[in-house]
Amino acid sequence: MDIQPIYGIPALRVNDSFVISDLHIGVETHLMKNGFHIASRTEDMYDCILENSEGCDHLIVLGDVKDAVPGSSKQEFREIPNFFERLKERFNNIDLVRGNHDTNIEEFLPEGIRVRPSTGMVIDDVGYIHGHTWPSESTMKCKTLIMAHEHPAVMFRDGVGKQTTEPCWMRGKFRSGCDRYQEFPESFIVIPAFNRMLGGSPMNVVNGTFLGPLMNNDYLDLDSAHMYLLDGIDLGKRSDIMVNDRYELRNLKRGPRRR
């Protein structure tokens, strides 16, 4: 099984499949309601897929095609159908694993797009889930599980306490299936959000929290998982690059308050 990140972008190539997640088409409408007027990035995402998917005839989207939840925005109704109509001309097969933002996603999709359950699907011993809910037992029988939902990023801190984040991959091993699963994968991959407008959630913060149920249990060996930048640089084990969060650093720099 050939599973390789595509250089410089948050996408995987798995044999002849192009795998992405977290498009959040319509996020600009949400930002506009908060006073930020930003042009839609949907066309940029479409161009990125076409430019980097040579040799792939299968597109897999690991959930959160749309952004608004609950409800839907005019932008989503305007952009999502056209986005997938054009992708149908490029790919022979398109699978969408339902994410937590994908309520009534069928209303937006042209015929021929297969919507898979949020509990996941398996193709050639690789499991695919969004990550906001528990995978099915059949999905957990795969050898490698690919998940999204977390929008993974790595936080860097310099000598004066300034912090920056960059999107990243996480790749590691399962510890066990505990009492929930009799069989479970050998390894896991957490895929970054394809929409770069979303930023990311730092995965290497002391006392940080995660979103999905698998990430919040003892099933995954997160400390030994390796973190990779989009250009392929291996940053090493997560346990070796942990940083304090912003609140702790701010208080350390300020010191105790005087009355």
C-alpha atoms as a PDB file:
ATOM      1  CA  MET A   1       0.000   0.000   0.000  1.00  0.00           C
ATOM      2  CA  ASP A   2       1.495   3.313  -1.127  1.00  0.00           C
ATOM      3  CA  ILE A   3       0.412   6.198   1.134  1.00  0.00           C
ATOM      4  CA  GLN A   4       2.283   9.444   0.513  1.00  0.00           C
ATOM      5  CA  PRO A   5       1.614  13.096   1.383  1.00  0.00           C
ATOM      6  CA  ILE A   6       1.742  15.348  -1.656  1.00  0.00           C
ATOM      7  CA  TYR A   7       4.559  17.856  -1.334  1.00  0.00           C
ATOM      8  CA  GLY A   8       3.530  21.316  -0.181  1.00  0.00           C
ATOM      9  CA  ILE A   9      -0.220  20.790   0.092  1.00  0.00           C
ATOM     10  CA  PRO A  10      -2.527  19.112   2.651  1.00  0.00           C
ATOM     11  CA  ALA A  11      -3.421  16.114   0.485  1.00  0.00           C
ATOM     12  CA  LEU A  12      -2.555  12.425   0.408  1.00  0.00           C
ATOM     13  CA  ARG A  13      -2.031  10.060  -2.460  1.00  0.00           C
ATOM     14  CA  VAL A  14      -3.159   6.520  -1.641  1.00  0.00           C
ATOM     15  CA  ASN A  15      -2.460   4.352  -4.673  1.00  0.00           C
ATOM     16  CA  ASP A  16      -4.623   6.011  -7.358  1.00  0.00           C
ATOM     17  CA  SER A  17      -6.735   8.031  -4.876  1.00  0.00           C
ATOM     18  CA  PHE A  18      -6.388  11.736  -4.075  1.00  0.00           C
ATOM     19  CA  VAL A  19      -7.429  12.263  -0.432  1.00  0.00           C
ATOM     20  CA  ILE A  20      -8.374  15.608   1.135  1.00  0.00           C
ATOM     21  CA  SER A  21     -10.530  16.822   4.014  1.00  0.00           C
ATOM     22  CA  ASP A  22     -12.181  19.842   5.612  1.00  0.00           C
ATOM     23  CA  LEU A  23     -12.997  22.048   2.629  1.00  0.00           C
ATOM     24  CA  HIS A  24     -15.468  24.157   4.631  1.00  0.00           C
ATOM     25  CA  ILE A  25     -16.858  25.784   1.508  1.00  0.00           C
ATOM     26  CA  GLY A  26     -18.754  28.849   2.701  1.00  0.00           C
ATOM     27  CA  VAL A  27     -16.445  29.777   5.563  1.00  0.00           C
ATOM     28  CA  GLU A  28     -16.093  33.241   4.025  1.00  0.00           C
ATOM     29  CA  THR A  29     -19.792  33.881   4.715  1.00  0.00           C
ATOM     30  CA  HIS A  30     -19.208  33.057   8.371  1.00  0.00           C
ATOM     31  CA  LEU A  31     -16.233  35.427   8.466  1.00  0.00           C
ATOM     32  CA  MET A  32     -18.226  38.179   6.759  1.00  0.00           C
ATOM     33  CA  LYS A  33     -20.800  38.077   9.553  1.00  0.00           C
ATOM     34  CA  ASN A  34     -17.927  38.889  11.898  1.00  0.00           C
ATOM     35  CA  GLY A  35     -16.745  41.843   9.844  1.00  0.00           C
ATOM     36  CA  PHE A  36     -14.117  40.155   7.641  1.00  0.00           C
ATOM     37  CA  HIS A  37     -14.725  40.534   3.905  1.00  0.00           C
ATOM     38  CA  ILE A  38     -12.624  37.891   2.135  1.00  0.00           C
ATOM     39  CA  ALA A  39     -12.924  36.551  -1.391  1.00  0.00           C
ATOM     40  CA  SER A  40     -13.992  32.928  -1.757  1.00  0.00           C
ATOM     41  CA  ARG A  41     -11.183  30.365  -1.836  1.00  0.00           C
ATOM     42  CA  THR A  42     -13.275  27.643  -3.482  1.00  0.00           C
ATOM     43  CA  GLU A  43     -11.766  28.225  -6.930  1.00  0.00           C
ATOM     44  CA  ASP A  44      -8.268  28.095  -5.440  1.00  0.00           C
ATOM     45  CA  MET A  45      -9.044  24.700  -3.899  1.00  0.00           C
ATOM     46  CA  TYR A  46     -10.405  23.433  -7.211  1.00  0.00           C
ATOM     47  CA  ASP A  47      -7.260  24.569  -9.052  1.00  0.00           C
ATOM     48  CA  CYS A  48      -5.039  22.978  -6.380  1.00  0.00           C
ATOM     49  CA  ILE A  49      -6.789  19.627  -6.818  1.00  0.00           C
ATOM     50  CA  LEU A  50      -6.379  19.687 -10.598  1.00  0.00           C
ATOM     51  CA  GLU A  51      -2.739  20.753 -10.466  1.00  0.00           C
ATOM     52  CA  ASN A  52      -1.685  18.054  -8.004  1.00  0.00           C
ATOM     53  CA  SER A  53      -3.807  14.993  -8.816  1.00  0.00           C
ATOM     54  CA  GLU A  54      -2.091  13.713 -11.935  1.00  0.00           C
ATOM     55  CA  GLY A  55      -2.388   9.936 -12.134  1.00  0.00           C
ATOM     56  CA  CYS A  56      -5.312   9.788  -9.693  1.00  0.00           C
ATOM     57  CA  ASP A  57      -8.761   8.791 -10.919  1.00  0.00           C
ATOM     58  CA  HIS A  58     -10.438   8.565  -7.507  1.00  0.00           C
ATOM     59  CA  LEU A  59     -11.185  11.502  -5.194  1.00  0.00           C
ATOM     60  CA  ILE A  60     -11.852  10.876  -1.482  1.00  0.00           C
ATOM     61  CA  VAL A  61     -13.064  13.761   0.692  1.00  0.00           C
ATOM     62  CA  LEU A  62     -12.972  13.074   4.430  1.00  0.00           C
ATOM     63  CA  GLY A  63     -15.852  15.288   5.428  1.00  0.00           C
ATOM     64  CA  ASP A  64     -16.805  18.867   6.156  1.00  0.00           C
ATOM     65  CA  VAL A  65     -17.407  19.914   2.571  1.00  0.00           C
ATOM     66  CA  LYS A  66     -19.687  22.679   3.809  1.00  0.00           C
ATOM     67  CA  ASP A  67     -19.117  25.101   6.657  1.00  0.00           C
ATOM     68  CA  ALA A  68     -22.450  26.264   8.057  1.00  0.00           C
ATOM     69  CA  VAL A  69     -23.991  24.159  10.809  1.00  0.00           C
ATOM     70  CA  PRO A  70     -26.841  24.156  11.499  1.00  0.00           C
ATOM     71  CA  GLY A  71     -28.371  25.403   8.282  1.00  0.00           C
ATOM     72  CA  SER A  72     -26.713  26.388   5.009  1.00  0.00           C
ATOM     73  CA  SER A  73     -25.560  29.594   3.386  1.00  0.00           C
ATOM     74  CA  LYS A  74     -26.275  31.029  -0.050  1.00  0.00           C
ATOM     75  CA  GLN A  75     -22.579  30.696  -0.809  1.00  0.00           C
ATOM     76  CA  GLU A  76     -22.726  26.943  -0.178  1.00  0.00           C
ATOM     77  CA  PHE A  77     -25.743  26.515  -2.467  1.00  0.00           C
ATOM     78  CA  ARG A  78     -23.987  28.586  -5.119  1.00  0.00           C
ATOM     79  CA  GLU A  79     -20.523  27.010  -4.996  1.00  0.00           C
ATOM     80  CA  ILE A  80     -20.720  23.372  -3.854  1.00  0.00           C
ATOM     81  CA  PRO A  81     -22.790  21.926  -6.747  1.00  0.00           C
ATOM     82  CA  ASN A  82     -20.600  23.582  -9.388  1.00  0.00           C
ATOM     83  CA  PHE A  83     -17.426  22.544  -7.546  1.00  0.00           C
ATOM     84  CA  PHE A  84     -18.359  18.857  -7.668  1.00  0.00           C
ATOM     85  CA  GLU A  85     -19.837  18.976 -11.167  1.00  0.00           C
ATOM     86  CA  ARG A  86     -16.439  20.035 -12.464  1.00  0.00           C
ATOM     87  CA  LEU A  87     -14.612  17.488 -10.319  1.00  0.00           C
ATOM     88  CA  LYS A  88     -16.778  14.751 -11.845  1.00  0.00           C
ATOM     89  CA  GLU A  89     -15.221  15.625 -15.195  1.00  0.00           C
ATOM     90  CA  ARG A  90     -11.762  15.033 -13.721  1.00  0.00           C
ATOM     91  CA  PHE A  91     -12.287  11.903 -11.561  1.00  0.00           C
ATOM     92  CA  ASN A  92     -13.950   8.621 -12.415  1.00  0.00           C
ATOM     93  CA  ASN A  93     -15.040   8.072  -8.812  1.00  0.00           C
ATOM     94  CA  ILE A  94     -15.711  10.463  -5.933  1.00  0.00           C
ATOM     95  CA  ASP A  95     -16.395   9.359  -2.355  1.00  0.00           C
ATOM     96  CA  LEU A  96     -17.379  11.693   0.459  1.00  0.00           C
ATOM     97  CA  VAL A  97     -17.206  10.487   4.062  1.00  0.00           C
ATOM     98  CA  ARG A  98     -19.768  12.495   6.002  1.00  0.00           C
ATOM     99  CA  GLY A  99     -18.412  15.036   8.502  1.00  0.00           C
ATOM    100  CA  ASN A 100     -20.146  16.857  11.318  1.00  0.00           C
ATOM    101  CA  HIS A 101     -20.740  19.915   9.075  1.00  0.00           C
ATOM    102  CA  ASP A 102     -22.263  17.839   6.252  1.00  0.00           C
ATOM    103  CA  THR A 103     -25.920  17.803   7.297  1.00  0.00           C
ATOM    104  CA  ASN A 104     -28.122  17.317   4.216  1.00  0.00           C
ATOM    105  CA  ILE A 105     -25.030  17.356   2.008  1.00  0.00           C
ATOM    106  CA  GLU A 106     -26.904  15.264  -0.571  1.00  0.00           C
ATOM    107  CA  GLU A 107     -28.922  18.387  -1.473  1.00  0.00           C
ATOM    108  CA  PHE A 108     -25.741  20.012  -2.783  1.00  0.00           C
ATOM    109  CA  LEU A 109     -24.162  17.130  -4.686  1.00  0.00           C
ATOM    110  CA  PRO A 110     -24.704  16.087  -8.308  1.00  0.00           C
ATOM    111  CA  GLU A 111     -25.617  12.506  -9.114  1.00  0.00           C
ATOM    112  CA  GLY A 112     -22.807  10.007  -8.947  1.00  0.00           C
ATOM    113  CA  ILE A 113     -21.110  11.299  -5.802  1.00  0.00           C
ATOM    114  CA  ARG A 114     -21.127   8.544  -3.178  1.00  0.00           C
ATOM    115  CA  VAL A 115     -21.796   9.722   0.381  1.00  0.00           C
ATOM    116  CA  ARG A 116     -20.316   7.317   2.930  1.00  0.00           C
ATOM    117  CA  PRO A 117     -21.391   7.154   6.591  1.00  0.00           C
ATOM    118  CA  SER A 118     -19.513   9.060   9.273  1.00  0.00           C
ATOM    119  CA  THR A 119     -18.502   5.699  10.760  1.00  0.00           C
ATOM    120  CA  GLY A 120     -16.151   5.300   7.820  1.00  0.00           C
ATOM    121  CA  MET A 121     -15.275   3.115   4.863  1.00  0.00           C
ATOM    122  CA  VAL A 122     -12.408   0.775   3.937  1.00  0.00           C
ATOM    123  CA  ILE A 123     -10.636   0.457   0.596  1.00  0.00           C
ATOM    124  CA  ASP A 124      -7.726  -1.976   0.181  1.00  0.00           C
ATOM    125  CA  ASP A 125      -7.004  -2.239   3.909  1.00  0.00           C
ATOM    126  CA  VAL A 126      -7.051   1.557   4.432  1.00  0.00           C
ATOM    127  CA  GLY A 127      -9.824   3.026   6.570  1.00  0.00           C
ATOM    128  CA  TYR A 128     -11.211   6.525   6.069  1.00  0.00           C
ATOM    129  CA  ILE A 129     -13.191   8.549   8.620  1.00  0.00           C
ATOM    130  CA  HIS A 130     -13.860  12.206   9.308  1.00  0.00           C
ATOM    131  CA  GLY A 131     -13.149  11.731  12.995  1.00  0.00           C
ATOM    132  CA  HIS A 132     -15.980  13.374  14.914  1.00  0.00           C
ATOM    133  CA  THR A 133     -17.617  10.083  15.859  1.00  0.00           C
ATOM    134  CA  TRP A 134     -16.603   6.506  16.625  1.00  0.00           C
ATOM    135  CA  PRO A 135     -15.603   4.402  13.607  1.00  0.00           C
ATOM    136  CA  SER A 136     -17.518   1.222  12.916  1.00  0.00           C
ATOM    137  CA  GLU A 137     -16.039  -2.144  13.842  1.00  0.00           C
ATOM    138  CA  SER A 138     -15.605  -2.972  10.163  1.00  0.00           C
ATOM    139  CA  THR A 139     -13.669   0.269   9.579  1.00  0.00           C
ATOM    140  CA  MET A 140     -11.399  -0.489  12.538  1.00  0.00           C
ATOM    141  CA  LYS A 141     -10.342  -3.780  10.965  1.00  0.00           C
ATOM    142  CA  CYS A 142      -8.209  -1.885   8.451  1.00  0.00           C
ATOM    143  CA  LYS A 143      -4.412  -1.756   8.617  1.00  0.00           C
ATOM    144  CA  THR A 144      -4.092   2.058   8.449  1.00  0.00           C
ATOM    145  CA  LEU A 145      -6.752   4.564   9.522  1.00  0.00           C
ATOM    146  CA  ILE A 146      -6.799   8.032   7.934  1.00  0.00           C
ATOM    147  CA  MET A 147      -8.775  10.684   9.812  1.00  0.00           C
ATOM    148  CA  ALA A 148      -9.457  14.415   9.680  1.00  0.00           C
ATOM    149  CA  HIS A 149     -11.559  16.802  11.830  1.00  0.00           C
ATOM    150  CA  GLU A 150      -8.714  18.038  14.051  1.00  0.00           C
ATOM    151  CA  HIS A 151      -7.185  20.535  11.546  1.00  0.00           C
ATOM    152  CA  PRO A 152      -3.770  19.542  12.927  1.00  0.00           C
ATOM    153  CA  ALA A 153      -1.018  22.131  13.279  1.00  0.00           C
ATOM    154  CA  VAL A 154       2.269  22.399  15.117  1.00  0.00           C
ATOM    155  CA  MET A 155       3.121  25.346  17.360  1.00  0.00           C
ATOM    156  CA  PHE A 156       6.592  26.859  17.372  1.00  0.00           C
ATOM    157  CA  ARG A 157       7.918  29.161  20.075  1.00  0.00           C
ATOM    158  CA  ASP A 158      11.062  31.273  19.790  1.00  0.00           C
ATOM    159  CA  GLY A 159      13.397  32.500  22.529  1.00  0.00           C
ATOM    160  CA  VAL A 160      11.313  35.575  23.325  1.00  0.00           C
ATOM    161  CA  GLY A 161       8.042  33.675  23.577  1.00  0.00           C
ATOM    162  CA  LYS A 162       6.609  34.513  20.153  1.00  0.00           C
ATOM    163  CA  GLN A 163       4.456  31.699  18.817  1.00  0.00           C
ATOM    164  CA  THR A 164       3.517  30.669  15.293  1.00  0.00           C
ATOM    165  CA  THR A 165       1.638  27.655  13.957  1.00  0.00           C
ATOM    166  CA  GLU A 166       1.934  25.670  10.743  1.00  0.00           C
ATOM    167  CA  PRO A 167      -0.373  22.939   9.402  1.00  0.00           C
ATOM    168  CA  CYS A 168       1.075  19.489   9.854  1.00  0.00           C
ATOM    169  CA  TRP A 169       0.533  15.767   9.481  1.00  0.00           C
ATOM    170  CA  MET A 170       0.492  13.327  12.368  1.00  0.00           C
ATOM    171  CA  ARG A 171       1.476   9.719  11.835  1.00  0.00           C
ATOM    172  CA  GLY A 172       1.623   7.139  14.594  1.00  0.00           C
ATOM    173  CA  LYS A 173       0.613   3.772  15.979  1.00  0.00           C
ATOM    174  CA  PHE A 174      -2.436   2.406  17.754  1.00  0.00           C
ATOM    175  CA  ARG A 175      -1.950   1.209  21.314  1.00  0.00           C
ATOM    176  CA  SER A 176      -4.992  -1.038  21.423  1.00  0.00           C
ATOM    177  CA  GLY A 177      -8.696  -1.234  20.789  1.00  0.00           C
ATOM    178  CA  CYS A 178      -9.332  -1.268  24.530  1.00  0.00           C
ATOM    179  CA  ASP A 179     -12.751  -2.654  25.394  1.00  0.00           C
ATOM    180  CA  ARG A 180     -14.550  -1.095  22.427  1.00  0.00           C
ATOM    181  CA  TYR A 181     -12.973  -2.945  19.476  1.00  0.00           C
ATOM    182  CA  GLN A 182     -11.772  -6.517  19.145  1.00  0.00           C
ATOM    183  CA  GLU A 183      -9.667  -5.574  16.128  1.00  0.00           C
ATOM    184  CA  PHE A 184      -7.970  -2.260  15.425  1.00  0.00           C
ATOM    185  CA  PRO A 185      -5.497  -0.741  12.932  1.00  0.00           C
ATOM    186  CA  GLU A 186      -1.733  -0.812  13.229  1.00  0.00           C
ATOM    187  CA  SER A 187      -1.276   2.867  12.406  1.00  0.00           C
ATOM    188  CA  PHE A 188      -3.093   6.168  11.943  1.00  0.00           C
ATOM    189  CA  ILE A 189      -2.645   9.374   9.949  1.00  0.00           C
ATOM    190  CA  VAL A 190      -4.278  12.710  10.800  1.00  0.00           C
ATOM    191  CA  ILE A 191      -4.685  14.859   7.693  1.00  0.00           C
ATOM    192  CA  PRO A 192      -4.569  18.702   7.750  1.00  0.00           C
ATOM    193  CA  ALA A 193      -7.475  20.844   6.554  1.00  0.00           C
ATOM    194  CA  PHE A 194      -7.420  21.407   2.794  1.00  0.00           C
ATOM    195  CA  ASN A 195      -8.890  24.902   3.134  1.00  0.00           C
ATOM    196  CA  ARG A 196      -5.933  27.000   4.270  1.00  0.00           C
ATOM    197  CA  MET A 197      -8.305  29.712   5.527  1.00  0.00           C
ATOM    198  CA  LEU A 198      -9.026  27.530   8.550  1.00  0.00           C
ATOM    199  CA  GLY A 199      -5.589  27.693  10.112  1.00  0.00           C
ATOM    200  CA  GLY A 200      -5.087  24.808  12.509  1.00  0.00           C
ATOM    201  CA  SER A 201      -5.285  23.494  16.058  1.00  0.00           C
ATOM    202  CA  PRO A 202      -1.863  22.960  17.671  1.00  0.00           C
ATOM    203  CA  MET A 203      -1.349  19.304  18.503  1.00  0.00           C
ATOM    204  CA  ASN A 204       1.812  19.801  20.575  1.00  0.00           C
ATOM    205  CA  VAL A 205       0.489  22.033  23.372  1.00  0.00           C
ATOM    206  CA  VAL A 206       0.852  20.948  26.988  1.00  0.00           C
ATOM    207  CA  ASN A 207      -2.589  20.081  28.388  1.00  0.00           C
ATOM    208  CA  GLY A 208      -4.119  20.638  24.960  1.00  0.00           C
ATOM    209  CA  THR A 209      -7.466  19.119  24.046  1.00  0.00           C
ATOM    210  CA  PHE A 210      -8.594  17.250  20.961  1.00  0.00           C
ATOM    211  CA  LEU A 211     -11.936  17.051  19.174  1.00  0.00           C
ATOM    212  CA  GLY A 212     -12.625  13.469  18.142  1.00  0.00           C
ATOM    213  CA  PRO A 213     -13.316  10.482  20.403  1.00  0.00           C
ATOM    214  CA  LEU A 214     -10.368   8.440  19.131  1.00  0.00           C
ATOM    215  CA  MET A 215      -7.995  11.295  19.899  1.00  0.00           C
ATOM    216  CA  ASN A 216      -9.309  11.656  23.441  1.00  0.00           C
ATOM    217  CA  ASN A 217      -8.800   8.070  24.550  1.00  0.00           C
ATOM    218  CA  ASP A 218      -5.844   5.775  25.080  1.00  0.00           C
ATOM    219  CA  TYR A 219      -6.251   4.034  21.736  1.00  0.00           C
ATOM    220  CA  LEU A 220      -3.548   6.092  19.987  1.00  0.00           C
ATOM    221  CA  ASP A 221       0.073   6.485  21.019  1.00  0.00           C
ATOM    222  CA  LEU A 222       0.056  10.253  20.498  1.00  0.00           C
ATOM    223  CA  ASP A 223       3.305  10.913  22.351  1.00  0.00           C
ATOM    224  CA  SER A 224       5.297   8.734  19.950  1.00  0.00           C
ATOM    225  CA  ALA A 225       3.484   9.996  16.847  1.00  0.00           C
ATOM    226  CA  HIS A 226       5.668  11.922  14.418  1.00  0.00           C
ATOM    227  CA  MET A 227       4.662  15.355  13.157  1.00  0.00           C
ATOM    228  CA  TYR A 228       5.507  16.486   9.627  1.00  0.00           C
ATOM    229  CA  LEU A 229       5.311  19.853   7.898  1.00  0.00           C
ATOM    230  CA  LEU A 230       3.694  20.080   4.476  1.00  0.00           C
ATOM    231  CA  ASP A 231       7.138  20.175   2.843  1.00  0.00           C
ATOM    232  CA  GLY A 232       7.906  16.760   4.332  1.00  0.00           C
ATOM    233  CA  ILE A 233      10.182  17.839   7.185  1.00  0.00           C
ATOM    234  CA  ASP A 234       9.950  15.340  10.043  1.00  0.00           C
ATOM    235  CA  LEU A 235       9.793  17.348  13.267  1.00  0.00           C
ATOM    236  CA  GLY A 236      10.171  14.227  15.376  1.00  0.00           C
ATOM    237  CA  LYS A 237       8.030  12.752  18.097  1.00  0.00           C
ATOM    238  CA  ARG A 238       5.199  14.860  19.479  1.00  0.00           C
ATOM    239  CA  SER A 239       6.481  14.296  23.037  1.00  0.00           C
ATOM    240  CA  ASP A 240       9.809  15.938  22.107  1.00  0.00           C
ATOM    241  CA  ILE A 241       8.322  19.183  20.739  1.00  0.00           C
ATOM    242  CA  MET A 242       5.679  20.043  23.317  1.00  0.00           C
ATOM    243  CA  VAL A 243       5.198  23.732  24.159  1.00  0.00           C
ATOM    244  CA  ASN A 244       3.261  25.626  26.798  1.00  0.00           C
ATOM    245  CA  ASP A 245       0.072  27.308  25.680  1.00  0.00           C
ATOM    246  CA  ARG A 246      -0.413  31.036  25.175  1.00  0.00           C
ATOM    247  CA  TYR A 247      -2.034  31.599  28.555  1.00  0.00           C
ATOM    248  CA  GLU A 248       0.817  30.025  30.485  1.00  0.00           C
ATOM    249  CA  LEU A 249       3.448  31.925  28.527  1.00  0.00           C
ATOM    250  CA  ARG A 250       1.632  35.223  28.963  1.00  0.00           C
ATOM    251  CA  ASN A 251       1.480  34.775  32.714  1.00  0.00           C
ATOM    252  CA  LEU A 252       5.145  33.736  32.874  1.00  0.00           C
ATOM    253  CA  LYS A 253       6.200  36.869  31.021  1.00  0.00           C
ATOM    254  CA  ARG A 254       4.023  39.173  33.105  1.00  0.00           C
ATOM    255  CA  GLY A 255       4.868  37.663  36.473  1.00  0.00           C
ATOM    256  CA  PRO A 256       2.621  38.083  39.515  1.00  0.00           C
ATOM    257  CA  ARG A 257       0.197  40.955  39.562  1.00  0.00           C
ATOM    258  CA  ARG A 258       0.746  43.813  41.996  1.00  0.00           C
ATOM    259  CA  ARG A 259      -2.156  45.254  43.914  1.00  0.00           C
END
